PDB file of N, CA and C in Angstrom:
ATOM      1  N   MET A   1     100.739  74.103  83.663  1.00  0.00           N
ATOM      2  CA  MET A   1     102.038  75.103  82.747  1.00  0.00           C
ATOM      3  C   MET A   1     103.630  76.276  83.154  1.00  0.00           C
ATOM      4  N   PHE A   2     104.166  76.059  83.305  1.00  0.00           N
ATOM      5  CA  PHE A   2     105.721  76.411  83.622  1.00  0.00           C
ATOM      6  C   PHE A   2     106.301  77.140  82.799  1.00  0.00           C
ATOM      7  N   TYR A   3     106.368  78.647  82.353  1.00  0.00           N
ATOM      8  CA  TYR A   3     107.651  79.865  81.654  1.00  0.00           C
ATOM      9  C   TYR A   3     108.772  79.326  82.287  1.00  0.00           C
ATOM     10  N   GLN A   4     109.758  79.849  82.187  1.00  0.00           N
ATOM     11  CA  GLN A   4     111.327  80.012  82.558  1.00  0.00           C
ATOM     12  C   GLN A   4     111.814  81.032  81.336  1.00  0.00           C
ATOM     13  N   ALA A   5     112.238  81.965  82.182  1.00  0.00           N
ATOM     14  CA  ALA A   5     112.951  83.072  80.853  1.00  0.00           C
ATOM     15  C   ALA A   5     113.875  81.883  80.349  1.00  0.00           C
ATOM     16  N   ASN A   6     114.543  83.117  79.698  1.00  0.00           N
ATOM     17  CA  ASN A   6     115.863  82.521  79.234  1.00  0.00           C
ATOM     18  C   ASN A   6     116.937  83.510  79.282  1.00  0.00           C
ATOM     19  N   LEU A   7     118.079  83.780  80.287  1.00  0.00           N
ATOM     20  CA  LEU A   7     118.566  85.000  80.759  1.00  0.00           C
ATOM     21  C   LEU A   7     119.380  85.512  79.192  1.00  0.00           C
ATOM     22  N   ASP A   8     119.896  84.745  78.551  1.00  0.00           N
ATOM     23  CA  ASP A   8     120.898  84.584  77.375  1.00  0.00           C
ATOM     24  C   ASP A   8     119.780  85.935  76.200  1.00  0.00           C
ATOM     25  N   GLN A   9     118.654  85.397  76.413  1.00  0.00           N
ATOM     26  CA  GLN A   9     117.555  86.104  75.641  1.00  0.00           C
ATOM     27  C   GLN A   9     117.267  87.717  75.424  1.00  0.00           C
ATOM     28  N   ASN A  10     117.769  88.948  73.970  1.00  0.00           N
ATOM     29  CA  ASN A  10     117.742  90.085  74.200  1.00  0.00           C
ATOM     30  C   ASN A  10     116.612  89.781  74.167  1.00  0.00           C
ATOM     31  N   LEU A  11     115.690  91.371  75.360  1.00  0.00           N
ATOM     32  CA  LEU A  11     114.478  91.632  75.249  1.00  0.00           C
ATOM     33  C   LEU A  11     113.962  92.556  74.191  1.00  0.00           C
ATOM     34  N   PHE A  12     115.537  93.695  74.569  1.00  0.00           N
ATOM     35  CA  PHE A  12     115.293  95.199  73.115  1.00  0.00           C
ATOM     36  C   PHE A  12     116.319  94.496  72.280  1.00  0.00           C
ATOM     37  N   GLU A  13     116.110  95.285  71.486  1.00  0.00           N
ATOM     38  CA  GLU A  13     116.957  95.381  70.283  1.00  0.00           C
ATOM     39  C   GLU A  13     116.510  96.598  69.063  1.00  0.00           C
ATOM     40  N   GLY A  14     117.271  97.131  68.390  1.00  0.00           N
ATOM     41  CA  GLY A  14     117.776  98.153  67.537  1.00  0.00           C
ATOM     42  C   GLY A  14     118.456  99.002  67.625  1.00  0.00           C
ATOM     43  N   ASN A  15     118.916 100.493  67.760  1.00  0.00           N
ATOM     44  CA  ASN A  15     119.438 101.545  68.270  1.00  0.00           C
ATOM     45  C   ASN A  15     119.125 101.825  69.379  1.00  0.00           C
ATOM     46  N   LEU A  16     120.291 101.280  70.330  1.00  0.00           N
ATOM     47  CA  LEU A  16     119.868 101.306  71.585  1.00  0.00           C
ATOM     48  C   LEU A  16     121.137 101.381  72.258  1.00  0.00           C
ATOM     49  N   SER A  17     121.653 101.730  73.549  1.00  0.00           N
ATOM     50  CA  SER A  17     123.192 101.590  73.891  1.00  0.00           C
ATOM     51  C   SER A  17     122.544 100.966  75.458  1.00  0.00           C
ATOM     52  N   GLY A  18     121.496 100.735  76.273  1.00  0.00           N
ATOM     53  CA  GLY A  18     120.861 100.224  76.777  1.00  0.00           C
ATOM     54  C   GLY A  18     121.452 101.250  78.620  1.00  0.00           C
ATOM     55  N   ASN A  19     121.265 102.193  78.071  1.00  0.00           N
ATOM     56  CA  ASN A  19     121.290 102.799  79.516  1.00  0.00           C
ATOM     57  C   ASN A  19     119.724 103.904  79.906  1.00  0.00           C
ATOM     58  N   PHE A  20     119.015 104.036  81.123  1.00  0.00           N
ATOM     59  CA  PHE A  20     117.962 104.209  81.669  1.00  0.00           C
ATOM     60  C   PHE A  20     117.774 105.216  80.971  1.00  0.00           C
ATOM     61  N   LEU A  21     118.314 106.268  79.658  1.00  0.00           N
ATOM     62  CA  LEU A  21     117.562 106.918  78.650  1.00  0.00           C
ATOM     63  C   LEU A  21     116.369 106.715  77.719  1.00  0.00           C
ATOM     64  N   ASP A  22     117.618 105.329  77.379  1.00  0.00           N
ATOM     65  CA  ASP A  22     116.857 104.630  75.971  1.00  0.00           C
ATOM     66  C   ASP A  22     116.075 103.813  76.531  1.00  0.00           C
ATOM     67  N   PHE A  23     115.596 103.540  77.637  1.00  0.00           N
ATOM     68  CA  PHE A  23     114.438 102.394  78.063  1.00  0.00           C
ATOM     69  C   PHE A  23     113.193 103.364  78.587  1.00  0.00           C
ATOM     70  N   PHE A  24     113.352 104.368  78.818  1.00  0.00           N
ATOM     71  CA  PHE A  24     112.328 105.652  79.385  1.00  0.00           C
ATOM     72  C   PHE A  24     112.085 105.735  77.921  1.00  0.00           C
ATOM     73  N   TYR A  25     112.472 106.499  77.181  1.00  0.00           N
ATOM     74  CA  TYR A  25     112.622 106.965  75.629  1.00  0.00           C
ATOM     75  C   TYR A  25     111.936 105.577  75.395  1.00  0.00           C
ATOM     76  N   TYR A  26     111.978 104.461  74.836  1.00  0.00           N
ATOM     77  CA  TYR A  26     111.059 103.442  74.640  1.00  0.00           C
ATOM     78  C   TYR A  26     109.280 103.399  75.379  1.00  0.00           C
ATOM     79  N   SER A  27     109.718 103.474  76.933  1.00  0.00           N
ATOM     80  CA  SER A  27     108.840 103.362  77.603  1.00  0.00           C
ATOM     81  C   SER A  27     107.753 104.486  76.914  1.00  0.00           C
ATOM     82  N   ILE A  28     108.011 105.924  76.702  1.00  0.00           N
ATOM     83  CA  ILE A  28     107.587 106.038  76.779  1.00  0.00           C
ATOM     84  C   ILE A  28     107.191 106.318  74.962  1.00  0.00           C
ATOM     85  N   ASN A  29     107.385 106.370  73.955  1.00  0.00           N
ATOM     86  CA  ASN A  29     107.111 105.745  73.151  1.00  0.00           C
ATOM     87  C   ASN A  29     105.926 104.684  73.084  1.00  0.00           C
ATOM     88  N   CYS A  30     106.124 103.645  73.381  1.00  0.00           N
ATOM     89  CA  CYS A  30     104.683 102.719  73.970  1.00  0.00           C
ATOM     90  C   CYS A  30     103.217 103.521  74.798  1.00  0.00           C
ATOM     91  N   TYR A  31     104.248 104.611  75.670  1.00  0.00           N
ATOM     92  CA  TYR A  31     102.831 104.953  76.369  1.00  0.00           C
ATOM     93  C   TYR A  31     101.442 105.582  75.267  1.00  0.00           C
ATOM     94  N   THR A  32     102.801 106.606  74.769  1.00  0.00           N
ATOM     95  CA  THR A  32     101.698 107.292  73.732  1.00  0.00           C
ATOM     96  C   THR A  32     101.393 106.733  72.078  1.00  0.00           C
ATOM     97  N   THR A  33     101.623 105.309  72.405  1.00  0.00           N
ATOM     98  CA  THR A  33     101.442 104.701  70.752  1.00  0.00           C
ATOM     99  C   THR A  33     102.338 105.566  70.047  1.00  0.00           C
ATOM    100  N   LEU A  34     102.943 105.753  70.217  1.00  0.00           N
ATOM    101  CA  LEU A  34     103.629 106.796  69.134  1.00  0.00           C
ATOM    102  C   LEU A  34     104.330 105.637  67.690  1.00  0.00           C
ATOM    103  N   GLY A  35     104.992 104.723  68.011  1.00  0.00           N
ATOM    104  CA  GLY A  35     105.408 103.770  67.643  1.00  0.00           C
ATOM    105  C   GLY A  35     106.575 104.033  66.320  1.00  0.00           C
ATOM    106  N   THR A  36     107.623 104.537  66.984  1.00  0.00           N
ATOM    107  CA  THR A  36     108.138 105.009  65.705  1.00  0.00           C
ATOM    108  C   THR A  36     109.706 103.365  64.964  1.00  0.00           C
ATOM    109  N   GLY A  37     109.845 103.065  66.054  1.00  0.00           N
ATOM    110  CA  GLY A  37     109.936 101.688  65.419  1.00  0.00           C
ATOM    111  C   GLY A  37     111.806 101.080  65.685  1.00  0.00           C
ATOM    112  N   ASP A  38     112.780 102.333  66.546  1.00  0.00           N
ATOM    113  CA  ASP A  38     113.857 102.347  66.300  1.00  0.00           C
ATOM    114  C   ASP A  38     114.044 101.913  67.768  1.00  0.00           C
ATOM    115  N   ILE A  39     113.545 101.239  68.275  1.00  0.00           N
ATOM    116  CA  ILE A  39     113.764 100.417  69.289  1.00  0.00           C
ATOM    117  C   ILE A  39     112.803  99.080  69.730  1.00  0.00           C
ATOM    118  N   PHE A  40     113.273  97.878  69.901  1.00  0.00           N
ATOM    119  CA  PHE A  40     111.606  97.084  69.513  1.00  0.00           C
ATOM    120  C   PHE A  40     111.929  95.474  70.693  1.00  0.00           C
ATOM    121  N   ALA A  41     110.953  95.559  70.560  1.00  0.00           N
ATOM    122  CA  ALA A  41     110.967  94.339  72.126  1.00  0.00           C
ATOM    123  C   ALA A  41     111.055  93.028  71.488  1.00  0.00           C
ATOM    124  N   ASN A  42     111.594  91.839  71.727  1.00  0.00           N
ATOM    125  CA  ASN A  42     111.514  90.494  71.711  1.00  0.00           C
ATOM    126  C   ASN A  42     111.148  89.481  72.582  1.00  0.00           C
ATOM    127  N   GLY A  43     110.453  88.444  72.345  1.00  0.00           N
ATOM    128  CA  GLY A  43     110.192  87.414  73.415  1.00  0.00           C
ATOM    129  C   GLY A  43     108.970  87.727  73.984  1.00  0.00           C
ATOM    130  N   PRO A  44     109.269  87.415  75.500  1.00  0.00           N
ATOM    131  CA  PRO A  44     107.548  87.804  76.313  1.00  0.00           C
ATOM    132  C   PRO A  44     107.625  89.751  76.395  1.00  0.00           C
ATOM    133  N   MET A  45     109.007  90.023  76.133  1.00  0.00           N
ATOM    134  CA  MET A  45     108.312  91.539  76.358  1.00  0.00           C
ATOM    135  C   MET A  45     107.495  92.443  75.191  1.00  0.00           C
ATOM    136  N   ARG A  46     107.285  91.952  74.408  1.00  0.00           N
ATOM    137  CA  ARG A  46     106.021  91.870  73.781  1.00  0.00           C
ATOM    138  C   ARG A  46     105.012  92.644  74.194  1.00  0.00           C
ATOM    139  N   ILE A  47     104.574  92.124  75.385  1.00  0.00           N
ATOM    140  CA  ILE A  47     103.556  91.524  75.778  1.00  0.00           C
ATOM    141  C   ILE A  47     102.883  92.735  76.509  1.00  0.00           C
ATOM    142  N   ALA A  48     104.259  92.866  77.282  1.00  0.00           N
ATOM    143  CA  ALA A  48     104.691  93.954  78.200  1.00  0.00           C
ATOM    144  C   ALA A  48     103.899  95.473  77.424  1.00  0.00           C
ATOM    145  N   THR A  49     105.287  95.151  76.408  1.00  0.00           N
ATOM    146  CA  THR A  49     105.328  96.187  75.328  1.00  0.00           C
ATOM    147  C   THR A  49     103.984  97.021  74.793  1.00  0.00           C
ATOM    148  N   GLY A  50     102.803  95.821  74.948  1.00  0.00           N
ATOM    149  CA  GLY A  50     101.666  96.145  74.163  1.00  0.00           C
ATOM    150  C   GLY A  50     100.132  96.193  75.422  1.00  0.00           C
ATOM    151  N   LEU A  51     100.799  95.957  76.134  1.00  0.00           N
ATOM    152  CA  LEU A  51      99.737  96.610  77.824  1.00  0.00           C
ATOM    153  C   LEU A  51     100.185  97.856  77.799  1.00  0.00           C
ATOM    154  N   GLU A  52     101.684  98.083  77.430  1.00  0.00           N
ATOM    155  CA  GLU A  52     102.053  99.490  78.155  1.00  0.00           C
ATOM    156  C   GLU A  52     100.843 100.273  77.537  1.00  0.00           C
ATOM    157  N   ALA A  53     100.869 100.566  75.868  1.00  0.00           N
ATOM    158  CA  ALA A  53     100.338 100.936  74.677  1.00  0.00           C
ATOM    159  C   ALA A  53      98.967 101.313  75.319  1.00  0.00           C
ATOM    160  N   LEU A  54      99.062  99.778  75.543  1.00  0.00           N
ATOM    161  CA  LEU A  54      96.950  99.739  75.934  1.00  0.00           C
ATOM    162  C   LEU A  54      96.631 100.765  76.758  1.00  0.00           C
ATOM    163  N   ILE A  55      97.138 100.722  78.498  1.00  0.00           N
ATOM    164  CA  ILE A  55      96.942 101.527  79.506  1.00  0.00           C
ATOM    165  C   ILE A  55      96.981 103.035  79.037  1.00  0.00           C
ATOM    166  N   GLY A  56      98.330 103.571  77.457  1.00  0.00           N
ATOM    167  CA  GLY A  56      98.486 104.412  77.885  1.00  0.00           C
ATOM    168  C   GLY A  56      97.446 105.381  77.052  1.00  0.00           C
ATOM    169  N   LEU A  57      97.033 104.509  76.331  1.00  0.00           N
ATOM    170  CA  LEU A  57      96.300 105.076  75.307  1.00  0.00           C
ATOM    171  C   LEU A  57      94.482 105.587  76.032  1.00  0.00           C
ATOM    172  N   VAL A  58      94.367 104.596  76.941  1.00  0.00           N
ATOM    173  CA  VAL A  58      93.076 104.182  78.550  1.00  0.00           C
ATOM    174  C   VAL A  58      93.432 105.729  78.941  1.00  0.00           C
ATOM    175  N   LEU A  59      94.574 105.943  79.443  1.00  0.00           N
ATOM    176  CA  LEU A  59      94.640 106.840  80.038  1.00  0.00           C
ATOM    177  C   LEU A  59      94.766 108.570  79.687  1.00  0.00           C
ATOM    178  N   ILE A  60      95.601 108.556  78.503  1.00  0.00           N
ATOM    179  CA  ILE A  60      95.310 109.858  77.705  1.00  0.00           C
ATOM    180  C   ILE A  60      93.776 110.474  77.511  1.00  0.00           C
ATOM    181  N   ALA A  61      92.930 109.186  77.266  1.00  0.00           N
ATOM    182  CA  ALA A  61      91.857 109.457  76.606  1.00  0.00           C
ATOM    183  C   ALA A  61      90.940 109.837  77.424  1.00  0.00           C
ATOM    184  N   TRP A  62      90.965 109.345  79.307  1.00  0.00           N
ATOM    185  CA  TRP A  62      90.603 109.112  79.873  1.00  0.00           C
ATOM    186  C   TRP A  62      91.208 110.876  80.853  1.00  0.00           C
ATOM    187  N   THR A  63      92.273 111.310  80.305  1.00  0.00           N
ATOM    188  CA  THR A  63      92.464 112.729  80.672  1.00  0.00           C
ATOM    189  C   THR A  63      92.070 114.107  79.888  1.00  0.00           C
ATOM    190  N   ALA A  64      91.660 113.470  78.582  1.00  0.00           N
ATOM    191  CA  ALA A  64      91.519 114.209  78.321  1.00  0.00           C
ATOM    192  C   ALA A  64      89.954 114.398  78.900  1.00  0.00           C
ATOM    193  N   THR A  65      89.565 113.864  78.287  1.00  0.00           N
ATOM    194  CA  THR A  65      87.377 113.653  78.561  1.00  0.00           C
ATOM    195  C   THR A  65      87.551 114.141  80.029  1.00  0.00           C
ATOM    196  N   PHE A  66      88.485 114.020  81.274  1.00  0.00           N
ATOM    197  CA  PHE A  66      88.807 115.001  82.744  1.00  0.00           C
ATOM    198  C   PHE A  66      88.584 115.982  82.414  1.00  0.00           C
ATOM    199  N   LYS A  67      89.632 116.587  81.307  1.00  0.00           N
ATOM    200  CA  LYS A  67      89.873 117.916  81.463  1.00  0.00           C
ATOM    201  C   LYS A  67      88.570 118.790  81.320  1.00  0.00           C
ATOM    202  N   LEU A  68      88.204 117.935  79.494  1.00  0.00           N
ATOM    203  CA  LEU A  68      86.890 118.789  79.036  1.00  0.00           C
ATOM    204  C   LEU A  68      86.017 118.982  79.476  1.00  0.00           C
ATOM    205  N   SER A  69      85.891 117.492  80.717  1.00  0.00           N
ATOM    206  CA  SER A  69      84.564 118.032  81.409  1.00  0.00           C
ATOM    207  C   SER A  69      84.936 118.711  82.597  1.00  0.00           C
ATOM    208  N   TYR A  70      85.125 119.515  83.191  1.00  0.00           N
ATOM    209  CA  TYR A  70      86.328 120.542  83.721  1.00  0.00           C
ATOM    210  C   TYR A  70      86.167 121.773  83.037  1.00  0.00           C
ATOM    211  N   LEU A  71      86.717 121.967  81.977  1.00  0.00           N
ATOM    212  CA  LEU A  71      86.225 122.943  81.122  1.00  0.00           C
ATOM    213  C   LEU A  71      85.094 123.337  80.378  1.00  0.00           C
ATOM    214  N   PHE A  72      84.090 122.283  80.719  1.00  0.00           N
ATOM    215  CA  PHE A  72      82.831 123.021  79.912  1.00  0.00           C
ATOM    216  C   PHE A  72      82.117 123.451  81.543  1.00  0.00           C
ATOM    217  N   LYS A  73      81.801 122.368  82.745  1.00  0.00           N
ATOM    218  CA  LYS A  73      81.650 122.634  83.797  1.00  0.00           C
ATOM    219  C   LYS A  73      82.158 124.222  84.724  1.00  0.00           C
ATOM    220  N   LYS A  74      83.409 124.927  84.298  1.00  0.00           N
ATOM    221  CA  LYS A  74      83.524 125.599  84.350  1.00  0.00           C
ATOM    222  C   LYS A  74      83.010 127.490  83.726  1.00  0.00           C
ATOM    223  N   LYS A  75      82.857 126.850  82.391  1.00  0.00           N
ATOM    224  CA  LYS A  75      81.859 127.563  81.498  1.00  0.00           C
ATOM    225  C   LYS A  75      80.639 127.658  81.370  1.00  0.00           C
ATOM    226  N   ASN A  76      79.955 126.969  81.704  1.00  0.00           N
ATOM    227  CA  ASN A  76      78.589 126.866  82.192  1.00  0.00           C
ATOM    228  C   ASN A  76      78.758 127.575  83.538  1.00  0.00           C
ATOM    229  N   ASN A  77      79.272 127.547  83.993  1.00  0.00           N
ATOM    230  CA  ASN A  77      78.926 128.369  85.702  1.00  0.00           C
ATOM    231  C   ASN A  77      79.384 129.824  85.172  1.00  0.00           C
ATOM    232  N   PHE A  78      80.217 130.274  84.383  1.00  0.00           N
ATOM    233  CA  PHE A  78      80.337 131.264  84.227  1.00  0.00           C
ATOM    234  C   PHE A  78      79.129 131.775  83.479  1.00  0.00           C
ATOM    235  N   LYS A  79      78.642 131.178  82.681  1.00  0.00           N
ATOM    236  CA  LYS A  79      77.865 131.921  81.753  1.00  0.00           C
ATOM    237  C   LYS A  79      76.018 131.900  82.703  1.00  0.00           C
ATOM    238  N   THR A  80      75.853 131.207  83.696  1.00  0.00           N
ATOM    239  CA  THR A  80      75.252 131.374  85.103  1.00  0.00           C
ATOM    240  C   THR A  80      75.514 132.504  85.662  1.00  0.00           C
ATOM    241  N   LEU A  81      76.613 132.707  85.975  1.00  0.00           N
ATOM    242  CA  LEU A  81      76.432 133.940  86.357  1.00  0.00           C
ATOM    243  C   LEU A  81      76.341 135.824  85.696  1.00  0.00           C
ATOM    244  N   GLU A  82      76.403 135.076  84.592  1.00  0.00           N
ATOM    245  CA  GLU A  82      76.091 137.090  83.963  1.00  0.00           C
ATOM    246  C   GLU A  82      75.256 137.256  84.391  1.00  0.00           C
TER     247      GLU A  82
END
């Protein structure tokens, strides 16, 4: 199966002017799974949006787990010194 992108298709719609900050805001919005909806994806870009949200959710959970395990180890080491 072969897929050819339509170059005339707008991949993003909503309240955007097309500059870098709009797309950075959209990426942060997807990564944190905030989902305000003022900028949204169309067509094949929806798949990338879903993947970015999934990756963001996993990495935020991994970071929180890593930080908490570090803090608990530090707390347990402090108790053994007393």
